[in-house]
Amino acid sequence: MCGSRRVGMVGYPLLVEHGVGIVGEIERVRQFADNAADSRRPIAVDAAACPGGHDEREYNQNGGSIKQPVEPRGTAAAQPRHRREDCQGERAPPETATQAHPAAEAREQQPAQEAKRVEPMPESLDLNALTDATVAASFGADDISETDGKTELTLTVYDYDLYDMVDIAQLAVGDTIVVDGKDMVVTSREDENGFVTINGGLEQGGVDLTSDDSGVYYAVGLDDTKSYHELGKVTVPVADGFVLTDNADPEHPDETYAAADLAELAASEPGFTANNTLATIEHGELTVLARSYTP
């Protein structure tokens, strides 16, 4: 056949060249249609290319434009999509209010510190062996007597609680301190001007503590006087060289008296009390009484 001719078949233009049979032409048309269909088939992006299967999309081979989102392979259809930039790497989740701090967890695991009980230091005075000591004492006119021509004096002896400085430094709310033989639970503590005020101090049912050069703490009462408690009574002979040094009257300081003056002085104000009288006993005899001024 000379020349060429066009044949219309299944809607596609065909050009049959010289020497080409009709059967071969049909096969070419079928192959062309198959290739065209393949070019329009969507391609799924492999989930492995985007860690976590984030935002995979189908692409059209004819130009590579995005057709529509599809779900990653091996995941449920309801799984939410993520931004494509998240594929750059996994981000750590932000801390929430429910996440406990490691230090807080450690404190919760530590056992609560046991409350302390602070007691006074052991009593150093023994009334059964009071031969050499200086003690706080009181007496009245009725406590003066005479035996075999020698004056004797029955003294009521007092002492005050002493506390170890370390114990008081560590005393805290919730601890217990023993004051005058009674337990006092610490509900408050204030430190000011050398004083430790427990539970509001003496005026509010608490206690006031202070220290001196001896390195111990002791309780004080009103006007900063020591908080004495009675130990008991002891009768001692008055030494021949006994002397009373009296400073009870600020207008007449450093007055001195002998044993014969004791009865008259004891019967008048201000008398002899634990807060104003110190008795010195040497070798079992009363050698000195010192009376001081108290407001």
C-alpha atoms as a PDB file:
ATOM      1  CA  MET A   1       0.000   0.000   0.000  1.00  0.00           C
ATOM      2  CA  CYS A   2       1.221   3.431  -0.931  1.00  0.00           C
ATOM      3  CA  GLY A   3       0.830   6.415   1.385  1.00  0.00           C
ATOM      4  CA  SER A   4      -0.873   6.299   4.769  1.00  0.00           C
ATOM      5  CA  ARG A   5      -4.362   6.461   6.214  1.00  0.00           C
ATOM      6  CA  ARG A   6      -5.974   7.233   9.607  1.00  0.00           C
ATOM      7  CA  VAL A   7      -8.079   4.684  11.386  1.00  0.00           C
ATOM      8  CA  GLY A   8     -10.308   5.579  14.417  1.00  0.00           C
ATOM      9  CA  MET A   9     -10.356   2.833  17.050  1.00  0.00           C
ATOM     10  CA  VAL A  10     -11.622   2.823  20.610  1.00  0.00           C
ATOM     11  CA  GLY A  11     -11.512   6.594  20.691  1.00  0.00           C
ATOM     12  CA  TYR A  12      -7.750   6.986  20.090  1.00  0.00           C
ATOM     13  CA  PRO A  13      -6.090   8.359  16.919  1.00  0.00           C
ATOM     14  CA  LEU A  14      -4.028   5.788  15.085  1.00  0.00           C
ATOM     15  CA  LEU A  15      -1.488   6.243  12.392  1.00  0.00           C
ATOM     16  CA  VAL A  16      -0.843   3.089  10.472  1.00  0.00           C
ATOM     17  CA  GLU A  17       2.474   3.257   8.703  1.00  0.00           C
ATOM     18  CA  HIS A  18       3.317   1.491   5.500  1.00  0.00           C
ATOM     19  CA  GLY A  19       3.583  -2.222   5.930  1.00  0.00           C
ATOM     20  CA  VAL A  20       2.037  -2.378   9.449  1.00  0.00           C
ATOM     21  CA  GLY A  21      -0.831  -4.823   9.961  1.00  0.00           C
ATOM     22  CA  ILE A  22      -4.070  -3.993  11.719  1.00  0.00           C
ATOM     23  CA  VAL A  23      -3.456  -6.553  14.516  1.00  0.00           C
ATOM     24  CA  GLY A  24      -0.158  -4.992  15.490  1.00  0.00           C
ATOM     25  CA  GLU A  25      -1.780  -1.571  15.506  1.00  0.00           C
ATOM     26  CA  ILE A  26      -4.457  -2.737  17.956  1.00  0.00           C
ATOM     27  CA  GLU A  27      -1.813  -4.110  20.339  1.00  0.00           C
ATOM     28  CA  ARG A  28      -0.003  -0.754  20.347  1.00  0.00           C
ATOM     29  CA  VAL A  29      -3.234   1.061  21.182  1.00  0.00           C
ATOM     30  CA  ARG A  30      -3.895  -1.245  24.163  1.00  0.00           C
ATOM     31  CA  GLN A  31      -0.379  -0.755  25.546  1.00  0.00           C
ATOM     32  CA  PHE A  32      -0.742   3.033  25.211  1.00  0.00           C
ATOM     33  CA  ALA A  33      -3.998   2.968  27.192  1.00  0.00           C
ATOM     34  CA  ASP A  34      -2.442   0.878  29.970  1.00  0.00           C
ATOM     35  CA  ASN A  35       0.475   3.278  30.334  1.00  0.00           C
ATOM     36  CA  ALA A  36      -1.867   6.245  30.545  1.00  0.00           C
ATOM     37  CA  ALA A  37      -3.838   4.600  33.336  1.00  0.00           C
ATOM     38  CA  ASP A  38      -0.614   3.860  35.290  1.00  0.00           C
ATOM     39  CA  SER A  39       0.415   7.490  35.090  1.00  0.00           C
ATOM     40  CA  ARG A  40      -2.760   8.518  36.910  1.00  0.00           C
ATOM     41  CA  ARG A  41      -2.513   5.889  39.725  1.00  0.00           C
ATOM     42  CA  PRO A  42      -1.629   7.449  43.167  1.00  0.00           C
ATOM     43  CA  ILE A  43       1.653   6.527  44.877  1.00  0.00           C
ATOM     44  CA  ALA A  44       1.728   6.057  48.713  1.00  0.00           C
ATOM     45  CA  VAL A  45       4.728   7.492  50.495  1.00  0.00           C
ATOM     46  CA  ASP A  46       6.431   4.851  52.612  1.00  0.00           C
ATOM     47  CA  ALA A  47       5.949   5.443  56.362  1.00  0.00           C
ATOM     48  CA  ALA A  48       9.600   4.547  56.943  1.00  0.00           C
ATOM     49  CA  ALA A  49      10.612   7.725  55.088  1.00  0.00           C
ATOM     50  CA  CYS A  50       8.940   9.806  57.786  1.00  0.00           C
ATOM     51  CA  PRO A  51       9.619   8.469  61.326  1.00  0.00           C
ATOM     52  CA  GLY A  52       6.442   8.005  63.282  1.00  0.00           C
ATOM     53  CA  GLY A  53       4.298   7.887  60.129  1.00  0.00           C
ATOM     54  CA  HIS A  54       3.651  11.652  60.151  1.00  0.00           C
ATOM     55  CA  ASP A  55       1.670  13.327  57.319  1.00  0.00           C
ATOM     56  CA  GLU A  56       2.204  10.897  54.462  1.00  0.00           C
ATOM     57  CA  ARG A  57       0.583  12.007  51.223  1.00  0.00           C
ATOM     58  CA  GLU A  58      -0.090  10.596  47.726  1.00  0.00           C
ATOM     59  CA  TYR A  59       1.521  12.199  44.752  1.00  0.00           C
ATOM     60  CA  ASN A  60       0.465  12.271  41.138  1.00  0.00           C
ATOM     61  CA  GLN A  61       3.145  11.030  38.835  1.00  0.00           C
ATOM     62  CA  ASN A  62       2.022  13.628  36.257  1.00  0.00           C
ATOM     63  CA  GLY A  63       3.686  16.678  37.918  1.00  0.00           C
ATOM     64  CA  GLY A  64       4.041  15.430  41.536  1.00  0.00           C
ATOM     65  CA  SER A  65       1.195  17.501  42.964  1.00  0.00           C
ATOM     66  CA  ILE A  66      -0.415  16.467  46.251  1.00  0.00           C
ATOM     67  CA  LYS A  67      -3.643  14.559  45.700  1.00  0.00           C
ATOM     68  CA  GLN A  68      -4.931  13.742  49.154  1.00  0.00           C
ATOM     69  CA  PRO A  69      -3.666  12.603  52.592  1.00  0.00           C
ATOM     70  CA  VAL A  70      -3.615   8.908  53.334  1.00  0.00           C
ATOM     71  CA  GLU A  71      -3.044   6.989  56.529  1.00  0.00           C
ATOM     72  CA  PRO A  72       0.438   5.525  57.258  1.00  0.00           C
ATOM     73  CA  ARG A  73       0.851   1.886  56.651  1.00  0.00           C
ATOM     74  CA  GLY A  74      -0.020  -0.341  59.579  1.00  0.00           C
ATOM     75  CA  THR A  75      -1.918   2.353  61.586  1.00  0.00           C
ATOM     76  CA  ALA A  76      -5.583   2.815  62.396  1.00  0.00           C
ATOM     77  CA  ALA A  77      -7.617   5.167  60.255  1.00  0.00           C
ATOM     78  CA  ALA A  78      -8.604   7.249  63.298  1.00  0.00           C
ATOM     79  CA  GLN A  79      -4.996   8.163  64.187  1.00  0.00           C
ATOM     80  CA  PRO A  80      -4.591  12.001  63.982  1.00  0.00           C
ATOM     81  CA  ARG A  81      -2.241  13.539  61.454  1.00  0.00           C
ATOM     82  CA  HIS A  82       0.779  15.569  62.563  1.00  0.00           C
ATOM     83  CA  ARG A  83       2.587  18.471  60.998  1.00  0.00           C
ATOM     84  CA  ARG A  84       5.188  17.512  58.427  1.00  0.00           C
ATOM     85  CA  GLU A  85       7.869  19.489  60.325  1.00  0.00           C
ATOM     86  CA  ASP A  86       7.448  17.073  63.248  1.00  0.00           C
ATOM     87  CA  CYS A  87       9.112  14.479  61.046  1.00  0.00           C
ATOM     88  CA  GLN A  88      12.425  16.237  61.652  1.00  0.00           C
ATOM     89  CA  GLY A  89      12.749  14.447  65.010  1.00  0.00           C
ATOM     90  CA  GLU A  90      10.887  13.351  68.124  1.00  0.00           C
ATOM     91  CA  ARG A  91      10.175  16.137  70.600  1.00  0.00           C
ATOM     92  CA  ALA A  92      10.156  15.526  74.370  1.00  0.00           C
ATOM     93  CA  PRO A  93       6.709  16.032  75.902  1.00  0.00           C
ATOM     94  CA  PRO A  94       6.461  19.140  78.093  1.00  0.00           C
ATOM     95  CA  GLU A  95       6.432  18.690  81.871  1.00  0.00           C
ATOM     96  CA  THR A  96       2.995  18.871  83.385  1.00  0.00           C
ATOM     97  CA  ALA A  97       1.846  19.864  86.866  1.00  0.00           C
ATOM     98  CA  THR A  98       1.348  16.216  87.732  1.00  0.00           C
ATOM     99  CA  GLN A  99       4.989  15.334  87.154  1.00  0.00           C
ATOM    100  CA  ALA A 100       6.767  15.271  90.549  1.00  0.00           C
ATOM    101  CA  HIS A 101      10.168  16.880  90.939  1.00  0.00           C
ATOM    102  CA  PRO A 102      12.916  14.383  91.894  1.00  0.00           C
ATOM    103  CA  ALA A 103      13.848  16.430  94.997  1.00  0.00           C
ATOM    104  CA  ALA A 104      10.216  16.493  96.142  1.00  0.00           C
ATOM    105  CA  GLU A 105       9.956  12.745  95.652  1.00  0.00           C
ATOM    106  CA  ALA A 106      13.133  12.275  97.710  1.00  0.00           C
ATOM    107  CA  ARG A 107      11.716  14.381 100.570  1.00  0.00           C
ATOM    108  CA  GLU A 108       8.493  12.392 100.532  1.00  0.00           C
ATOM    109  CA  GLN A 109      10.445   9.155 100.786  1.00  0.00           C
ATOM    110  CA  GLN A 110      12.501  10.365 103.769  1.00  0.00           C
ATOM    111  CA  PRO A 111      11.061   9.466 107.168  1.00  0.00           C
ATOM    112  CA  ALA A 112       9.754  12.372 109.253  1.00  0.00           C
ATOM    113  CA  GLN A 113      12.222  13.569 111.879  1.00  0.00           C
ATOM    114  CA  GLU A 114      11.268  12.322 115.330  1.00  0.00           C
ATOM    115  CA  ALA A 115      10.308  15.010 117.842  1.00  0.00           C
ATOM    116  CA  LYS A 116      12.839  15.589 120.616  1.00  0.00           C
ATOM    117  CA  ARG A 117      12.262  15.791 124.370  1.00  0.00           C
ATOM    118  CA  VAL A 118      14.602  18.215 126.111  1.00  0.00           C
ATOM    119  CA  GLU A 119      15.082  17.744 129.839  1.00  0.00           C
ATOM    120  CA  PRO A 120      17.082  19.831 132.329  1.00  0.00           C
ATOM    121  CA  MET A 121      20.605  18.790 133.129  1.00  0.00           C
ATOM    122  CA  PRO A 122      20.912  16.482 136.171  1.00  0.00           C
ATOM    123  CA  GLU A 123      20.536  18.178 139.560  1.00  0.00           C
ATOM    124  CA  SER A 124      23.921  18.891 141.133  1.00  0.00           C
ATOM    125  CA  LEU A 125      22.783  19.737 144.657  1.00  0.00           C
ATOM    126  CA  ASP A 126      22.376  17.020 147.266  1.00  0.00           C
ATOM    127  CA  LEU A 127      20.691  18.224 150.449  1.00  0.00           C
ATOM    128  CA  ASN A 128      22.003  15.200 152.328  1.00  0.00           C
ATOM    129  CA  ALA A 129      25.557  16.233 151.561  1.00  0.00           C
ATOM    130  CA  LEU A 130      25.315  20.014 151.474  1.00  0.00           C
ATOM    131  CA  THR A 131      28.630  20.809 153.102  1.00  0.00           C
ATOM    132  CA  ASP A 132      30.271  23.223 150.646  1.00  0.00           C
ATOM    133  CA  ALA A 133      28.006  25.184 148.325  1.00  0.00           C
ATOM    134  CA  THR A 134      26.367  28.517 147.612  1.00  0.00           C
ATOM    135  CA  VAL A 135      22.615  28.155 147.176  1.00  0.00           C
ATOM    136  CA  ALA A 136      19.496  30.252 146.806  1.00  0.00           C
ATOM    137  CA  ALA A 137      17.625  30.118 150.092  1.00  0.00           C
ATOM    138  CA  SER A 138      14.790  31.600 152.063  1.00  0.00           C
ATOM    139  CA  PHE A 139      13.906  31.710 155.743  1.00  0.00           C
ATOM    140  CA  GLY A 140      11.765  33.571 158.199  1.00  0.00           C
ATOM    141  CA  ALA A 141      12.091  34.646 161.817  1.00  0.00           C
ATOM    142  CA  ASP A 142      10.610  31.319 162.959  1.00  0.00           C
ATOM    143  CA  ASP A 143      13.418  29.433 161.196  1.00  0.00           C
ATOM    144  CA  ILE A 144      16.068  30.819 163.567  1.00  0.00           C
ATOM    145  CA  SER A 145      16.814  28.687 166.628  1.00  0.00           C
ATOM    146  CA  GLU A 146      19.491  28.054 169.187  1.00  0.00           C
ATOM    147  CA  THR A 147      20.914  24.741 170.302  1.00  0.00           C
ATOM    148  CA  ASP A 148      23.537  24.445 173.078  1.00  0.00           C
ATOM    149  CA  GLY A 149      24.241  28.159 172.823  1.00  0.00           C
ATOM    150  CA  LYS A 150      24.822  28.018 169.044  1.00  0.00           C
ATOM    151  CA  THR A 151      22.535  29.678 166.511  1.00  0.00           C
ATOM    152  CA  GLU A 152      21.068  27.441 163.853  1.00  0.00           C
ATOM    153  CA  LEU A 153      19.178  28.388 160.726  1.00  0.00           C
ATOM    154  CA  THR A 154      16.701  26.229 158.836  1.00  0.00           C
ATOM    155  CA  LEU A 155      16.989  27.155 155.175  1.00  0.00           C
ATOM    156  CA  THR A 156      14.605  26.306 152.361  1.00  0.00           C
ATOM    157  CA  VAL A 157      16.934  25.555 149.438  1.00  0.00           C
ATOM    158  CA  TYR A 158      16.095  26.289 145.833  1.00  0.00           C
ATOM    159  CA  ASP A 159      17.606  25.605 142.468  1.00  0.00           C
ATOM    160  CA  TYR A 160      16.701  26.318 138.861  1.00  0.00           C
ATOM    161  CA  ASP A 161      16.679  24.163 135.770  1.00  0.00           C
ATOM    162  CA  LEU A 162      19.740  24.267 133.552  1.00  0.00           C
ATOM    163  CA  TYR A 163      19.599  23.231 129.897  1.00  0.00           C
ATOM    164  CA  ASP A 164      22.393  22.213 127.584  1.00  0.00           C
ATOM    165  CA  MET A 165      23.114  24.944 125.042  1.00  0.00           C
ATOM    166  CA  VAL A 166      23.100  22.502 122.107  1.00  0.00           C
ATOM    167  CA  ASP A 167      19.707  21.108 123.127  1.00  0.00           C
ATOM    168  CA  ILE A 168      18.176  24.583 123.215  1.00  0.00           C
ATOM    169  CA  ALA A 169      19.793  25.576 119.927  1.00  0.00           C
ATOM    170  CA  GLN A 170      18.128  22.573 118.258  1.00  0.00           C
ATOM    171  CA  LEU A 171      14.765  22.928 120.020  1.00  0.00           C
ATOM    172  CA  ALA A 172      12.033  23.307 117.384  1.00  0.00           C
ATOM    173  CA  VAL A 173       8.268  23.449 117.042  1.00  0.00           C
ATOM    174  CA  GLY A 174       6.825  20.008 117.777  1.00  0.00           C
ATOM    175  CA  ASP A 175       9.514  19.141 120.338  1.00  0.00           C
ATOM    176  CA  THR A 176       8.894  18.915 124.087  1.00  0.00           C
ATOM    177  CA  ILE A 177      10.763  20.724 126.847  1.00  0.00           C
ATOM    178  CA  VAL A 178      10.429  19.825 130.533  1.00  0.00           C
ATOM    179  CA  VAL A 179       9.888  22.929 132.704  1.00  0.00           C
ATOM    180  CA  ASP A 180       9.435  22.644 136.472  1.00  0.00           C
ATOM    181  CA  GLY A 181       8.884  18.930 136.075  1.00  0.00           C
ATOM    182  CA  LYS A 182       6.096  19.315 133.494  1.00  0.00           C
ATOM    183  CA  ASP A 183       6.140  18.587 129.771  1.00  0.00           C
ATOM    184  CA  MET A 184       5.618  21.592 127.502  1.00  0.00           C
ATOM    185  CA  VAL A 185       5.059  20.957 123.785  1.00  0.00           C
ATOM    186  CA  VAL A 186       6.685  23.676 121.701  1.00  0.00           C
ATOM    187  CA  THR A 187       4.137  25.438 119.486  1.00  0.00           C
ATOM    188  CA  SER A 188       6.195  28.568 118.813  1.00  0.00           C
ATOM    189  CA  ARG A 189       9.725  29.848 119.282  1.00  0.00           C
ATOM    190  CA  GLU A 190      11.235  33.326 119.063  1.00  0.00           C
ATOM    191  CA  ASP A 191      14.911  34.297 119.474  1.00  0.00           C
ATOM    192  CA  GLU A 192      15.682  37.905 120.377  1.00  0.00           C
ATOM    193  CA  ASN A 193      18.274  39.780 122.445  1.00  0.00           C
ATOM    194  CA  GLY A 194      19.726  36.631 123.969  1.00  0.00           C
ATOM    195  CA  PHE A 195      16.338  35.263 125.008  1.00  0.00           C
ATOM    196  CA  VAL A 196      14.548  32.206 123.651  1.00  0.00           C
ATOM    197  CA  THR A 197      10.798  32.628 124.076  1.00  0.00           C
ATOM    198  CA  ILE A 198       8.803  29.402 123.967  1.00  0.00           C
ATOM    199  CA  ASN A 199       5.005  29.486 123.460  1.00  0.00           C
ATOM    200  CA  GLY A 200       4.761  33.226 123.987  1.00  0.00           C
ATOM    201  CA  GLY A 201       6.807  33.298 127.176  1.00  0.00           C
ATOM    202  CA  LEU A 202       5.838  33.246 130.836  1.00  0.00           C
ATOM    203  CA  GLU A 203       2.976  35.727 130.446  1.00  0.00           C
ATOM    204  CA  GLN A 204       1.222  33.420 127.941  1.00  0.00           C
ATOM    205  CA  GLY A 205       1.856  30.167 129.775  1.00  0.00           C
ATOM    206  CA  GLY A 206       5.164  29.456 128.096  1.00  0.00           C
ATOM    207  CA  VAL A 207       8.735  29.906 129.245  1.00  0.00           C
ATOM    208  CA  ASP A 208      11.576  32.371 128.669  1.00  0.00           C
ATOM    209  CA  LEU A 209      15.123  31.037 128.481  1.00  0.00           C
ATOM    210  CA  THR A 210      18.437  32.887 128.599  1.00  0.00           C
ATOM    211  CA  SER A 211      22.089  31.999 129.073  1.00  0.00           C
ATOM    212  CA  ASP A 212      25.082  33.283 130.984  1.00  0.00           C
ATOM    213  CA  ASP A 213      28.840  32.919 130.778  1.00  0.00           C
ATOM    214  CA  SER A 214      28.648  29.302 131.937  1.00  0.00           C
ATOM    215  CA  GLY A 215      27.337  28.201 128.544  1.00  0.00           C
ATOM    216  CA  VAL A 216      23.976  26.866 129.718  1.00  0.00           C
ATOM    217  CA  TYR A 217      20.390  28.067 129.397  1.00  0.00           C
ATOM    218  CA  TYR A 218      17.953  28.546 132.255  1.00  0.00           C
ATOM    219  CA  ALA A 219      14.380  29.729 132.683  1.00  0.00           C
ATOM    220  CA  VAL A 220      13.705  33.213 133.983  1.00  0.00           C
ATOM    221  CA  GLY A 221      10.629  34.724 135.581  1.00  0.00           C
ATOM    222  CA  LEU A 222       9.313  38.254 135.768  1.00  0.00           C
ATOM    223  CA  ASP A 223      11.975  41.005 135.860  1.00  0.00           C
ATOM    224  CA  ASP A 224      14.430  38.411 134.485  1.00  0.00           C
ATOM    225  CA  THR A 225      14.730  36.663 137.847  1.00  0.00           C
ATOM    226  CA  LYS A 226      15.623  32.999 137.813  1.00  0.00           C
ATOM    227  CA  SER A 227      12.747  30.546 137.837  1.00  0.00           C
ATOM    228  CA  TYR A 228      13.492  28.727 141.074  1.00  0.00           C
ATOM    229  CA  HIS A 229      11.951  25.515 142.321  1.00  0.00           C
ATOM    230  CA  GLU A 230      12.186  24.217 145.845  1.00  0.00           C
ATOM    231  CA  LEU A 231      14.511  21.311 146.636  1.00  0.00           C
ATOM    232  CA  GLY A 232      13.823  20.968 150.362  1.00  0.00           C
ATOM    233  CA  LYS A 233      14.922  22.160 153.778  1.00  0.00           C
ATOM    234  CA  VAL A 234      18.229  21.874 155.578  1.00  0.00           C
ATOM    235  CA  THR A 235      19.288  23.042 159.054  1.00  0.00           C
ATOM    236  CA  VAL A 236      22.818  24.331 159.429  1.00  0.00           C
ATOM    237  CA  PRO A 237      24.730  25.913 162.340  1.00  0.00           C
ATOM    238  CA  VAL A 238      25.801  29.517 161.965  1.00  0.00           C
ATOM    239  CA  ALA A 239      29.594  29.883 161.939  1.00  0.00           C
ATOM    240  CA  ASP A 240      31.300  32.056 164.518  1.00  0.00           C
ATOM    241  CA  GLY A 241      32.561  34.430 161.870  1.00  0.00           C
ATOM    242  CA  PHE A 242      29.216  34.636 160.108  1.00  0.00           C
ATOM    243  CA  VAL A 243      28.362  37.889 158.271  1.00  0.00           C
ATOM    244  CA  LEU A 244      25.342  39.186 156.390  1.00  0.00           C
ATOM    245  CA  THR A 245      26.053  41.541 153.492  1.00  0.00           C
ATOM    246  CA  ASP A 246      22.886  43.480 152.747  1.00  0.00           C
ATOM    247  CA  ASN A 247      22.128  45.384 149.532  1.00  0.00           C
ATOM    248  CA  ALA A 248      18.362  45.119 149.742  1.00  0.00           C
ATOM    249  CA  ASP A 249      18.064  48.870 150.200  1.00  0.00           C
ATOM    250  CA  PRO A 250      19.555  50.774 147.227  1.00  0.00           C
ATOM    251  CA  GLU A 251      19.902  53.875 149.401  1.00  0.00           C
ATOM    252  CA  HIS A 252      22.035  51.992 151.935  1.00  0.00           C
ATOM    253  CA  PRO A 253      24.151  49.484 150.004  1.00  0.00           C
ATOM    254  CA  ASP A 254      26.734  47.092 151.445  1.00  0.00           C
ATOM    255  CA  GLU A 255      25.353  47.044 154.982  1.00  0.00           C
ATOM    256  CA  THR A 256      26.748  44.239 157.167  1.00  0.00           C
ATOM    257  CA  TYR A 257      25.078  42.420 160.067  1.00  0.00           C
ATOM    258  CA  ALA A 258      25.884  39.684 162.554  1.00  0.00           C
ATOM    259  CA  ALA A 259      23.904  36.553 163.442  1.00  0.00           C
ATOM    260  CA  ALA A 260      22.159  38.384 166.325  1.00  0.00           C
ATOM    261  CA  ASP A 261      20.472  40.703 163.813  1.00  0.00           C
ATOM    262  CA  LEU A 262      18.927  37.969 161.690  1.00  0.00           C
ATOM    263  CA  ALA A 263      15.636  37.606 163.586  1.00  0.00           C
ATOM    264  CA  GLU A 264      14.803  41.294 163.365  1.00  0.00           C
ATOM    265  CA  LEU A 265      15.728  41.542 159.685  1.00  0.00           C
ATOM    266  CA  ALA A 266      13.746  38.394 158.817  1.00  0.00           C
ATOM    267  CA  ALA A 267      10.604  39.809 160.387  1.00  0.00           C
ATOM    268  CA  SER A 268      10.648  42.971 158.253  1.00  0.00           C
ATOM    269  CA  GLU A 269      10.383  43.696 154.564  1.00  0.00           C
ATOM    270  CA  PRO A 270      11.707  42.684 152.151  1.00  0.00           C
ATOM    271  CA  GLY A 271      12.640  39.551 154.078  1.00  0.00           C
ATOM    272  CA  PHE A 272      14.847  36.726 152.767  1.00  0.00           C
ATOM    273  CA  THR A 273      13.594  35.003 149.620  1.00  0.00           C
ATOM    274  CA  ALA A 274      14.992  32.768 146.915  1.00  0.00           C
ATOM    275  CA  ASN A 275      15.215  35.710 144.543  1.00  0.00           C
ATOM    276  CA  ASN A 276      17.240  37.956 146.871  1.00  0.00           C
ATOM    277  CA  THR A 277      19.224  35.639 149.159  1.00  0.00           C
ATOM    278  CA  LEU A 278      22.293  33.478 148.599  1.00  0.00           C
ATOM    279  CA  ALA A 279      23.632  31.320 151.427  1.00  0.00           C
ATOM    280  CA  THR A 280      27.218  30.128 151.471  1.00  0.00           C
ATOM    281  CA  ILE A 281      27.923  26.925 153.408  1.00  0.00           C
ATOM    282  CA  GLU A 282      31.494  25.903 154.177  1.00  0.00           C
ATOM    283  CA  HIS A 283      32.455  22.748 156.019  1.00  0.00           C
ATOM    284  CA  GLY A 284      28.825  22.253 156.953  1.00  0.00           C
ATOM    285  CA  GLU A 285      28.365  25.715 158.541  1.00  0.00           C
ATOM    286  CA  LEU A 286      26.677  28.886 157.312  1.00  0.00           C
ATOM    287  CA  THR A 287      29.393  31.461 156.810  1.00  0.00           C
ATOM    288  CA  VAL A 288      27.808  34.152 154.616  1.00  0.00           C
ATOM    289  CA  LEU A 289      24.376  35.443 153.682  1.00  0.00           C
ATOM    290  CA  ALA A 290      24.151  37.893 150.779  1.00  0.00           C
ATOM    291  CA  ARG A 291      20.926  39.773 150.218  1.00  0.00           C
ATOM    292  CA  SER A 292      20.406  41.771 147.021  1.00  0.00           C
ATOM    293  CA  TYR A 293      17.887  44.311 145.781  1.00  0.00           C
ATOM    294  CA  THR A 294      14.877  43.060 143.839  1.00  0.00           C
ATOM    295  CA  PRO A 295      12.384  45.422 142.182  1.00  0.00           C
END
